[in-house]
Protein backbone atom coordinates (compact mmCIF):
# COMPACT_ATOMS: atom_id res chain seq x y z
CA MET A 1 11.03 -20.29 -7.22
CA THR A 2 11.42 -23.93 -6.26
CA SER A 3 14.87 -25.46 -6.56
CA ALA A 4 15.52 -29.01 -7.62
CA ARG A 5 17.40 -29.62 -4.39
CA THR A 6 14.78 -28.20 -1.98
CA ARG A 7 11.41 -29.09 -3.45
CA THR A 8 10.80 -31.81 -0.86
CA TYR A 9 10.89 -31.27 2.85
CA SER A 10 10.62 -34.47 4.90
CA ALA A 11 13.02 -34.91 7.81
CA ARG A 12 15.18 -37.17 5.68
CA SER A 13 15.16 -34.84 2.69
CA MET A 14 16.11 -31.84 4.83
CA VAL A 15 19.33 -33.65 5.71
CA ILE A 16 19.91 -34.57 2.08
CA ALA A 17 19.26 -30.99 0.96
CA LEU A 18 21.56 -29.69 3.64
CA CYS A 19 24.38 -31.98 2.59
CA ALA A 20 23.88 -31.08 -1.06
CA ALA A 21 23.76 -27.35 -0.43
CA THR A 22 27.47 -26.82 -0.54
CA ALA A 23 27.97 -28.91 -3.69
CA PHE A 24 25.04 -27.76 -5.82
CA GLY A 25 25.84 -26.77 -9.36
CA CYS A 26 23.76 -25.65 -12.33
CA THR A 27 22.17 -28.36 -14.41
CA ALA A 28 23.91 -28.77 -17.75
CA THR A 29 22.05 -27.41 -20.73
CA THR A 30 22.39 -27.75 -24.47
CA GLU A 31 22.84 -24.03 -25.07
CA ASP A 32 25.95 -22.61 -26.73
CA PRO A 33 28.44 -20.45 -24.81
CA PRO A 34 27.33 -16.84 -24.26
CA ALA A 35 27.89 -14.50 -27.16
CA PRO A 36 30.44 -11.71 -26.76
CA PRO A 37 29.21 -8.31 -25.56
CA SER A 38 27.28 -6.33 -28.14
CA THR A 39 28.94 -3.60 -30.16
CA PRO A 40 28.50 -0.16 -28.58
CA GLY A 41 26.13 2.24 -30.26
CA PRO A 42 26.94 5.82 -31.22
CA PRO A 43 29.13 7.38 -28.53
CA LEU A 44 27.69 9.81 -26.05
CA PRO A 45 28.50 13.45 -26.67
CA SER A 46 31.03 15.02 -24.34
CA ALA A 47 28.22 16.97 -22.70
CA ALA A 48 24.51 16.18 -22.50
CA PRO A 49 22.61 18.10 -25.19
CA ALA A 50 19.93 19.15 -22.75
CA ALA A 51 20.03 20.19 -19.11
CA GLY A 52 18.73 17.70 -16.59
CA THR A 53 19.53 15.07 -14.00
CA ASN A 54 21.34 11.88 -14.90
CA GLY A 55 19.22 8.94 -13.76
CA ALA A 56 21.08 6.53 -11.48
CA ASP A 57 22.62 3.44 -13.09
CA GLY A 58 21.31 1.24 -10.24
CA ALA A 59 18.20 1.00 -8.10
CA GLY A 60 20.16 0.81 -4.85
CA ASP A 61 19.62 -2.80 -3.81
CA PRO A 62 22.40 -3.58 -1.30
CA TYR A 63 23.01 -7.03 -2.85
CA TYR A 64 22.78 -6.06 -6.52
CA PRO A 65 23.48 -2.31 -6.60
CA ALA A 66 23.91 -2.22 -10.39
CA ASP A 67 20.50 -3.82 -11.03
CA GLY A 68 17.74 -1.53 -12.19
CA ASN A 69 18.00 2.20 -12.66
CA GLY A 70 16.80 5.44 -11.09
CA GLY A 71 15.10 8.60 -12.29
CA TYR A 72 11.86 7.13 -13.60
CA ASP A 73 9.05 4.65 -12.93
CA VAL A 74 8.11 2.25 -15.73
CA THR A 75 4.36 1.93 -16.26
CA GLY A 76 4.37 -0.51 -19.16
CA TYR A 77 6.48 -2.66 -21.48
CA ASP A 78 5.40 -3.33 -25.07
CA VAL A 79 7.85 -5.95 -26.35
CA THR A 80 7.90 -7.04 -30.00
CA ILE A 81 10.27 -9.81 -31.05
CA LYS A 82 10.88 -12.05 -34.04
CA TYR A 83 12.81 -15.22 -33.33
CA ASP A 84 14.26 -17.79 -35.70
CA PRO A 85 14.97 -21.00 -33.72
CA GLN A 86 17.22 -22.43 -36.41
CA ARG A 87 19.52 -19.41 -36.46
CA GLN A 88 18.95 -18.62 -32.76
CA HIS A 89 18.51 -15.02 -33.88
CA LEU A 90 16.23 -12.50 -32.22
CA GLU A 91 15.04 -9.15 -33.58
CA GLY A 92 13.51 -6.86 -30.98
CA ASP A 93 11.55 -3.62 -30.93
CA THR A 94 10.51 -2.61 -27.41
CA VAL A 95 8.67 0.46 -26.19
CA VAL A 96 9.13 1.33 -22.51
CA THR A 97 6.56 3.79 -21.16
CA ALA A 98 7.62 5.52 -17.96
CA ALA A 99 7.01 8.52 -15.70
CA ALA A 100 10.00 10.76 -15.05
CA ALA A 101 10.91 11.29 -11.38
CA ALA A 102 13.24 14.20 -12.25
CA ASP A 103 14.16 16.40 -15.18
CA LEU A 104 16.05 13.68 -17.04
CA GLY A 105 18.91 14.66 -19.29
CA ARG A 106 20.17 11.08 -19.29
CA PHE A 107 18.88 7.73 -18.04
CA ASN A 108 19.67 4.02 -18.29
CA LEU A 109 17.91 0.79 -19.19
CA ASP A 110 19.24 -2.74 -18.61
CA LEU A 111 19.98 -4.90 -21.67
CA ARG A 112 22.36 -7.85 -21.78
CA GLY A 113 24.27 -9.11 -24.81
CA LEU A 114 22.22 -7.76 -27.74
CA ASP A 115 23.16 -5.19 -30.39
CA VAL A 116 21.21 -1.92 -30.33
CA ALA A 117 20.43 -0.33 -33.70
CA SER A 118 18.50 2.76 -32.61
CA VAL A 119 16.84 4.49 -29.67
CA THR A 120 14.15 7.15 -29.72
CA VAL A 121 12.62 9.07 -26.82
CA ASN A 122 9.17 10.47 -27.53
CA ASP A 123 9.77 9.65 -31.21
CA ALA A 124 12.94 11.78 -31.40
CA PRO A 125 16.30 10.06 -32.07
CA ALA A 126 18.41 9.74 -28.92
CA GLN A 127 22.11 9.20 -28.34
CA PHE A 128 22.98 5.88 -26.69
CA ALA A 129 25.99 3.88 -25.52
CA ARG A 130 26.71 0.64 -23.69
CA ALA A 131 28.41 0.60 -20.29
CA GLY A 132 29.42 -2.35 -18.15
CA ASP A 133 27.79 -5.69 -18.88
CA HIS A 134 24.18 -4.52 -19.06
CA GLU A 135 23.77 -0.74 -19.04
CA LEU A 136 22.16 1.01 -22.00
CA VAL A 137 22.85 4.71 -21.39
CA ILE A 138 20.40 7.00 -23.21
CA THR A 139 20.65 10.76 -23.76
CA PRO A 140 17.43 12.17 -25.24
CA ALA A 141 17.50 15.09 -27.66
CA ALA A 142 15.54 17.15 -25.13
CA SER A 143 15.41 16.79 -21.37
CA VAL A 144 12.40 14.78 -20.15
CA PRO A 145 10.42 16.96 -17.70
CA ASN A 146 9.87 15.76 -14.16
CA GLY A 147 6.44 14.13 -13.80
CA SER A 148 5.90 13.66 -17.51
CA THR A 149 5.16 10.37 -19.22
CA PHE A 150 7.70 9.46 -21.89
CA ARG A 151 8.18 6.61 -24.35
CA THR A 152 11.55 5.04 -25.10
CA ARG A 153 11.78 2.80 -28.16
CA VAL A 154 14.76 0.48 -28.55
CA VAL A 155 15.43 -1.52 -31.72
CA TYR A 156 17.92 -4.34 -31.22
CA SER A 157 18.95 -7.79 -32.44
CA GLY A 158 21.35 -10.66 -31.97
CA LYS A 159 21.73 -14.07 -30.36
CA PRO A 160 20.36 -13.90 -26.81
CA VAL A 161 22.71 -15.02 -24.05
CA SER A 162 22.33 -16.61 -20.64
CA ASP A 163 24.10 -16.43 -17.30
CA ARG A 164 25.45 -19.50 -15.52
CA LYS A 165 26.70 -17.66 -12.47
CA GLY A 166 25.58 -15.12 -9.89
CA GLY A 167 22.54 -15.22 -7.61
CA GLY A 168 19.87 -17.84 -8.06
CA LEU A 169 19.89 -21.60 -8.48
CA GLY A 170 21.01 -22.21 -12.03
CA THR A 171 21.34 -20.80 -15.52
CA LYS A 172 19.29 -17.64 -15.99
CA GLY A 173 18.18 -15.67 -19.00
CA TRP A 174 17.56 -16.96 -22.51
CA GLN A 175 17.90 -20.73 -22.74
CA ARG A 176 17.56 -23.19 -25.60
CA SER A 177 15.27 -26.18 -25.21
CA THR A 178 16.15 -29.69 -26.34
CA SER A 179 13.50 -29.40 -29.05
CA GLY A 180 15.35 -26.43 -30.56
CA GLY A 181 13.02 -23.80 -29.13
CA ALA A 182 13.84 -21.30 -26.39
CA PHE A 183 12.53 -19.87 -23.14
CA ALA A 184 13.43 -17.03 -20.79
CA VAL A 185 13.46 -17.60 -17.02
CA GLY A 186 15.59 -16.52 -14.11
CA GLU A 187 15.70 -14.90 -10.69
CA PRO A 188 16.86 -12.28 -9.86
CA HIS A 189 17.65 -11.67 -13.56
CA SER A 190 15.95 -12.75 -16.78
CA ALA A 191 14.12 -9.92 -18.57
CA ALA A 192 17.15 -7.92 -19.72
CA TYR A 193 18.44 -10.94 -21.62
CA TRP A 194 15.71 -10.41 -24.23
CA PHE A 195 14.27 -6.90 -23.83
CA PRO A 196 15.42 -3.55 -22.38
CA ALA A 197 14.05 -3.17 -18.87
CA ASN A 198 14.39 -1.53 -15.50
CA GLU A 199 15.43 -4.84 -13.96
CA THR A 200 14.51 -4.35 -10.32
CA PRO A 201 11.45 -5.72 -8.48
CA LYS A 202 10.90 -2.23 -7.10
CA ASP A 203 9.62 -1.08 -10.49
CA LYS A 204 6.58 -3.14 -11.45
CA ALA A 205 4.79 -2.50 -14.74
CA THR A 206 2.25 -3.94 -17.13
CA PHE A 207 3.60 -6.20 -19.85
CA ARG A 208 2.72 -7.03 -23.44
CA VAL A 209 4.63 -9.26 -25.84
CA THR A 210 4.12 -9.72 -29.56
CA ALA A 211 6.27 -12.61 -30.79
CA THR A 212 6.66 -13.83 -34.38
CA VAL A 213 8.07 -17.31 -35.05
CA PRO A 214 8.21 -19.66 -38.06
CA ASP A 215 5.10 -21.71 -38.76
CA GLY A 216 5.15 -24.92 -36.75
CA TRP A 217 6.44 -23.14 -33.67
CA SER A 218 4.22 -21.34 -31.16
CA VAL A 219 4.61 -18.96 -28.23
CA VAL A 220 3.33 -18.84 -24.67
CA SER A 221 3.76 -16.07 -22.12
CA ILE A 222 2.01 -14.57 -19.09
CA GLY A 223 -1.36 -12.83 -18.99
CA HIS A 224 -4.17 -13.09 -21.53
CA GLU A 225 -3.80 -14.77 -24.88
CA GLU A 226 -4.86 -12.60 -27.82
CA PRO A 227 -5.55 -13.74 -31.40
CA SER A 228 -2.57 -14.93 -33.44
CA THR A 229 -2.04 -14.12 -37.11
CA PRO A 230 -0.16 -16.10 -39.79
CA ALA A 231 1.64 -14.45 -42.73
CA ASN A 232 4.30 -15.57 -45.22
CA GLY A 233 5.45 -18.64 -43.32
CA TRP A 234 5.51 -16.94 -39.91
CA THR A 235 2.91 -16.63 -37.16
CA THR A 236 2.59 -13.77 -34.68
CA TYR A 237 1.41 -14.49 -31.13
CA ARG A 238 0.23 -11.87 -28.64
CA TRP A 239 0.04 -11.95 -24.84
CA ALA A 240 -0.90 -9.15 -22.44
CA GLU A 241 -0.59 -8.94 -18.64
CA ARG A 242 -2.68 -6.13 -17.16
CA ASN A 243 -1.36 -6.53 -13.63
CA ARG A 244 1.86 -4.73 -12.76
CA VAL A 245 4.65 -7.30 -12.49
CA ALA A 246 8.33 -7.37 -11.60
CA THR A 247 10.43 -7.98 -14.70
CA TYR A 248 11.80 -11.36 -13.54
CA LEU A 249 8.20 -12.63 -13.51
CA THR A 250 7.80 -12.09 -17.25
CA THR A 251 8.66 -14.75 -19.80
CA VAL A 252 8.40 -15.86 -23.38
CA ALA A 253 8.65 -19.52 -24.37
CA ILE A 254 8.92 -20.79 -27.96
CA ASP A 255 8.30 -24.45 -28.73
CA ARG A 256 5.91 -26.86 -30.44
CA TRP A 257 3.41 -26.49 -27.63
CA THR A 258 0.29 -28.48 -26.87
CA TYR A 259 -2.30 -26.30 -25.13
CA ASP A 260 -5.15 -26.81 -22.66
CA ARG A 261 -7.56 -23.89 -22.43
CA GLY A 262 -10.42 -23.20 -20.04
CA LYS A 263 -11.41 -20.99 -17.12
CA LEU A 264 -11.03 -21.22 -13.38
CA PRO A 265 -14.33 -22.66 -12.14
CA GLY A 266 -16.89 -19.99 -11.34
CA THR A 267 -14.79 -17.17 -12.80
CA ASP A 268 -13.86 -15.52 -16.09
CA ILE A 269 -10.15 -15.98 -15.33
CA PRO A 270 -8.53 -17.86 -18.22
CA LEU A 271 -6.82 -21.13 -17.29
CA LEU A 272 -4.27 -21.89 -20.00
CA SER A 273 -1.46 -24.39 -19.87
CA ALA A 274 1.21 -25.29 -22.43
CA TYR A 275 3.21 -28.53 -22.65
CA ALA A 276 6.47 -28.93 -24.52
CA PRO A 277 7.10 -32.07 -26.57
CA GLY A 278 8.01 -34.99 -24.33
CA VAL A 279 6.47 -33.61 -21.12
CA ARG A 280 4.98 -36.56 -19.26
CA ASN A 281 3.14 -35.45 -16.13
CA GLY A 282 2.19 -31.87 -16.92
CA GLN A 283 -1.46 -32.50 -17.73
CA GLN A 284 -1.92 -34.61 -14.60
CA LEU A 285 -0.45 -31.84 -12.46
CA GLU A 286 -2.43 -29.16 -14.22
CA LYS A 287 -5.72 -30.92 -13.46
CA ARG A 288 -5.09 -30.05 -9.81
CA VAL A 289 -4.55 -26.31 -10.40
CA PRO A 290 -8.19 -25.26 -9.82
CA GLU A 291 -8.19 -27.22 -6.56
CA ILE A 292 -4.85 -25.70 -5.55
CA ILE A 293 -5.95 -22.14 -6.28
CA GLU A 294 -9.23 -22.69 -4.43
CA PHE A 295 -7.32 -23.98 -1.41
CA LEU A 296 -4.77 -21.17 -1.45
CA SER A 297 -7.55 -18.60 -1.84
CA SER A 298 -9.16 -19.97 1.32
CA LYS A 299 -5.88 -19.22 3.13
CA PHE A 300 -4.59 -16.07 1.46
CA GLY A 301 -7.69 -14.32 0.08
CA PRO A 302 -9.04 -13.93 -3.47
CA TYR A 303 -6.74 -15.00 -6.30
CA PRO A 304 -4.87 -11.80 -7.25
CA GLN A 305 -3.89 -12.57 -10.86
CA THR A 306 -5.71 -12.07 -14.17
CA ALA A 307 -4.77 -15.50 -15.56
CA ALA A 308 -3.78 -18.97 -14.37
CA GLY A 309 -2.20 -22.13 -15.72
CA GLY A 310 1.31 -23.36 -16.30
CA ILE A 311 4.21 -23.61 -18.77
CA TYR A 312 5.66 -27.14 -18.69
CA ILE A 313 9.10 -27.28 -20.28
CA ASN A 314 10.85 -30.59 -20.92
CA GLU A 315 14.12 -29.40 -19.38
CA SER A 316 15.92 -30.41 -16.19
CA ILE A 317 16.89 -26.87 -15.20
CA GLY A 318 17.76 -26.19 -11.58
CA PHE A 319 14.47 -24.53 -10.63
CA SER A 320 10.83 -23.93 -11.41
CA LEU A 321 9.75 -20.28 -11.41
CA GLU A 322 6.58 -18.40 -10.48
CA THR A 323 6.23 -16.51 -13.77
CA ASN A 324 3.17 -14.37 -13.26
CA GLY A 325 -0.10 -16.29 -13.18
CA ARG A 326 1.40 -19.03 -15.33
CA PRO A 327 4.43 -20.60 -13.59
CA THR A 328 7.20 -22.26 -15.57
CA TYR A 329 7.86 -25.84 -14.45
CA ALA A 330 11.01 -27.90 -14.98
CA ASN A 331 10.44 -31.51 -16.04
CA TRP A 332 11.05 -32.77 -12.48
CA ALA A 333 8.16 -30.73 -11.02
CA GLU A 334 5.73 -32.53 -8.72
CA LEU A 335 2.47 -31.57 -7.04
CA THR A 336 4.05 -29.71 -4.12
CA VAL A 337 6.01 -27.60 -6.63
CA VAL A 338 2.74 -26.57 -8.28
CA VAL A 339 1.40 -25.61 -4.84
CA HIS A 340 4.58 -23.64 -4.13
CA GLU A 341 4.62 -21.68 -7.39
CA ASN A 342 0.93 -20.83 -7.17
CA ALA A 343 1.37 -19.63 -3.58
CA HIS A 344 3.83 -17.13 -5.02
CA GLN A 345 0.99 -15.48 -6.92
CA TRP A 346 0.15 -13.88 -3.56
CA PHE A 347 3.56 -13.96 -1.84
CA GLY A 348 6.13 -12.55 -4.24
CA ASN A 349 4.10 -11.68 -7.32
CA SER A 350 1.20 -9.59 -6.03
CA VAL A 351 3.13 -8.50 -2.94
CA SER A 352 6.68 -8.09 -4.22
CA LEU A 353 9.83 -7.65 -2.20
CA LYS A 354 11.55 -4.29 -1.98
CA GLU A 355 15.07 -5.69 -1.81
CA TRP A 356 16.51 -9.15 -2.35
CA ARG A 357 17.30 -9.51 1.35
CA ASP A 358 13.50 -9.61 1.81
CA ILE A 359 13.27 -12.89 -0.15
CA CYS A 360 11.74 -14.76 2.81
CA LEU A 361 8.53 -12.85 2.06
CA ASN A 362 8.42 -14.88 -1.15
CA GLU A 363 10.03 -18.23 -0.48
CA CYS A 364 9.33 -18.88 3.20
CA PHE A 365 5.60 -18.44 2.67
CA ALA A 366 5.43 -20.38 -0.59
CA SER A 367 7.35 -23.20 1.10
CA TYR A 368 5.04 -23.15 4.12
CA ALA A 369 2.08 -23.33 1.75
CA GLN A 370 3.33 -26.83 0.89
CA TRP A 371 2.99 -27.75 4.58
CA LEU A 372 -0.48 -26.19 4.73
CA TRP A 373 -1.50 -28.25 1.71
CA ASP A 374 -0.28 -31.50 3.27
CA GLU A 375 -1.99 -30.63 6.54
CA ALA A 376 -5.34 -30.05 4.81
CA LYS A 377 -5.19 -32.63 2.03
CA GLU A 378 -3.04 -35.41 3.49
CA GLY A 379 -3.92 -35.07 7.16
CA LYS A 380 -0.28 -34.49 8.12
CA ASN A 381 0.38 -33.46 11.71
CA LEU A 382 2.61 -30.42 11.28
CA ASP A 383 3.72 -30.35 14.91
CA GLU A 384 5.12 -33.85 14.46
CA GLU A 385 6.65 -32.85 11.13
CA TYR A 386 8.26 -29.85 12.77
CA ARG A 387 9.72 -31.81 15.70
CA SER A 388 11.04 -34.50 13.36
CA ASN A 389 12.76 -31.94 11.15
CA VAL A 390 14.25 -30.06 14.10
CA ALA A 391 15.57 -33.33 15.54
CA SER A 392 17.20 -34.22 12.21
CA VAL A 393 19.21 -30.98 12.05
CA ARG A 394 19.58 -30.10 15.73
CA GLY A 395 23.34 -30.60 15.70
CA SER A 396 23.98 -29.04 12.30
CA ASN A 397 25.78 -25.72 12.55
CA ARG A 398 25.54 -25.45 8.76
CA PHE A 399 21.75 -25.57 8.88
CA TRP A 400 21.26 -23.03 11.66
CA SER A 401 23.99 -20.61 10.56
CA ARG A 402 22.07 -19.69 7.41
CA LYS A 403 20.10 -16.46 7.86
CA LEU A 404 16.55 -15.89 6.65
CA TYR A 405 17.00 -12.12 6.55
CA GLU A 406 20.17 -10.15 5.75
CA MET A 407 21.64 -13.40 4.40
CA GLY A 408 24.09 -11.67 2.04
CA ALA A 409 24.31 -11.53 -1.74
CA GLY A 410 24.30 -14.95 -3.35
CA ASN A 411 22.73 -16.62 -0.29
CA GLU A 412 19.14 -15.59 -0.92
CA PHE A 413 17.94 -19.04 -1.95
CA ASP A 414 19.73 -21.07 0.69
CA ALA A 415 17.71 -21.26 3.94
CA VAL A 416 14.31 -20.01 2.84
CA TYR A 417 12.95 -23.37 1.65
CA ASP A 418 13.60 -25.51 4.73
CA LYS A 419 14.57 -23.34 7.69
CA GLY A 420 11.89 -20.90 6.50
CA GLN A 421 9.18 -23.54 6.88
CA LEU A 422 10.26 -24.26 10.45
CA ALA A 423 10.39 -20.57 11.34
CA LEU A 424 6.87 -19.90 10.10
CA HIS A 425 5.47 -22.93 11.91
CA ALA A 426 7.12 -21.76 15.12
CA LEU A 427 5.58 -18.31 14.55
CA ARG A 428 2.19 -19.94 14.03
CA ARG A 429 2.45 -21.78 17.34
CA LEU A 430 3.68 -18.66 19.12
CA ILE A 431 0.82 -16.37 18.04
CA GLY A 432 -1.90 -19.02 17.64
CA ASP A 433 -3.86 -20.24 14.63
CA ASP A 434 -6.45 -17.45 14.67
CA VAL A 435 -3.87 -14.65 14.47
CA PHE A 436 -1.61 -16.59 12.11
CA ASN A 437 -4.51 -17.14 9.71
CA ARG A 438 -5.24 -13.41 9.83
CA VAL A 439 -1.59 -12.71 9.00
CA LEU A 440 -1.73 -15.03 5.98
CA ARG A 441 -4.87 -13.36 4.67
CA GLU A 442 -4.47 -9.71 5.62
CA TRP A 443 -0.82 -9.27 4.58
CA PRO A 444 -1.50 -9.96 0.85
CA THR A 445 -4.57 -7.73 1.05
CA LYS A 446 -2.77 -4.79 2.62
CA TYR A 447 0.12 -4.81 0.14
CA ARG A 448 -1.64 -6.12 -2.95
CA ASP A 449 -0.02 -4.93 -6.20
CA ASN A 450 2.74 -3.28 -4.19
CA ASN A 451 6.15 -3.85 -2.63
CA ALA A 452 6.99 -4.61 0.97
CA SER A 453 9.98 -5.38 3.19
CA TRP A 454 10.64 -8.06 5.77
CA THR A 455 10.83 -5.47 8.57
CA GLU A 456 7.37 -4.26 7.57
CA PHE A 457 6.13 -7.82 7.89
CA GLU A 458 7.61 -8.12 11.38
CA ASP A 459 5.81 -4.93 12.42
CA PHE A 460 2.59 -6.21 10.82
CA ALA A 461 2.69 -9.57 12.61
CA GLN A 462 3.54 -7.93 15.93
CA GLN A 463 0.66 -5.48 15.59
CA LEU A 464 -1.88 -8.21 14.78
CA SER A 465 -0.68 -10.49 17.56
CA GLY A 466 -0.39 -7.82 20.22
CA LYS A 467 2.82 -9.53 21.35
CA ASN A 468 6.44 -8.45 21.44
CA LEU A 469 7.96 -10.70 18.79
CA ARG A 470 11.35 -9.01 18.48
CA THR A 471 13.45 -11.64 20.20
CA PHE A 472 11.64 -14.39 18.30
CA PHE A 473 12.27 -12.75 14.92
CA ASP A 474 15.88 -12.03 15.83
CA ALA A 475 16.47 -15.64 16.87
CA TRP A 476 14.89 -17.24 13.82
CA PHE A 477 15.47 -14.76 10.99
CA ARG A 478 18.69 -12.97 11.93
CA GLY A 479 20.27 -15.64 14.10
CA THR A 480 23.11 -17.95 13.11
CA SER A 481 22.59 -20.65 15.72
CA ILE A 482 19.73 -22.86 16.84
CA PRO A 483 17.10 -20.72 18.64
CA ALA A 484 16.71 -21.03 22.38
CA ASP A 485 14.00 -23.47 23.50
CA GLU A 486 11.53 -20.68 24.23
CA HIS A 487 11.60 -19.77 20.51
CA LEU A 488 12.21 -23.29 19.20
CA TYR A 489 9.26 -24.87 21.02
CA PRO A 490 6.54 -22.24 21.54
CA GLY A 491 2.90 -23.11 22.21
CA SER A 492 1.89 -26.68 21.37
CA LEU A 493 5.47 -27.40 20.28
CA HIS A 494 6.61 -27.27 23.91
CA ARG A 495 8.48 -30.46 24.75
């Protein structure tokens, strides 16, 4: 994710971003107020009809304990929707394939603000009810055996809603575009606003979407584009992502798109980009994507995704987002934003965080990739850039008090864009370029298509460097004051 307030990083802009941090608000949109909660489905029986464990109604994240669910591991989502932009009405039919981690007599999915008509588990009708603001509680007719693969089908409909509050940098979920279309983006939440999901980055799964819209509209998503089919004034579009992805990295976007199609040079990886009406600089930015991916591959290792490109919306939302392989860009996006979101394809998408307090694994590295790009392509002296930025915020308690790890719920996207860049450059100077370059390349290789934590990264960097980095990491990533000079000016940064 790149926020509108932190996408630049000069010494001057760090001060501006810092001053704006306490006053930032979501960008106004044209969407209607959220719809009221959906009507509950058939009530749960007083006792489960089959013996078994009740899956947890949260995945245990300390910042968002109600997010996600326990008792199973999703292996794939097959999402079918029909959307009428004029009525803003969505009809959904989603199949969630999962492996049971216990004998499940009851389990939950996350679904926000849509009416559920029916649920089946392994083709048998299941009892269901709504709880809280996003829990879909499902009791199958027969207990699901531990270790078995099971399929849950949910049929639902309604006017999708969005969220203007909570973690993140702006409105999340289902949003209307100025053209009358719609798109789904958000972090840490977005998927459950339009399909039932286990909405936690711990549970990555493959993803397929089949979306039907009126003729004249079209659909873009992540993964590979499959043939579309028209019928009776509607057209059905199909997209499939074979890599396992966290749910917030999925999307669907409905508009009157203009497309560019090709392949990454020297590969069979499709390069597909979509531009909403009125987008001005998207095609100019997208011309640089092959160069950007080639550069990032030289730093981080082979490109880990099955597709590339971009989704360029003509909306001034508060952030751009690294939707898998095909990032979604707000209309203010610039070249460094494209670098940032593509760096996430390694740091955040392929290697995903375990908990939201680990967000520096995503944002600190994607932000530092912007510095690496300017160093290589613009000849920028990063030591000078570092010293200039430190000098500009040296006396700011507000800047240094923000943690990069264990920052607290709601603070995940505060320090990681600017303080995170400084911390990683200081680490680079402490351990030297050779080891730092190994860290950048070997970390995404070791944890490819998996999840990792910040403490695992600290152990990894310490092992590669052969140095005791504990006091350095504590000062920069857990500290709430400016680091001591030994950590602030290591190596060639020494004053």
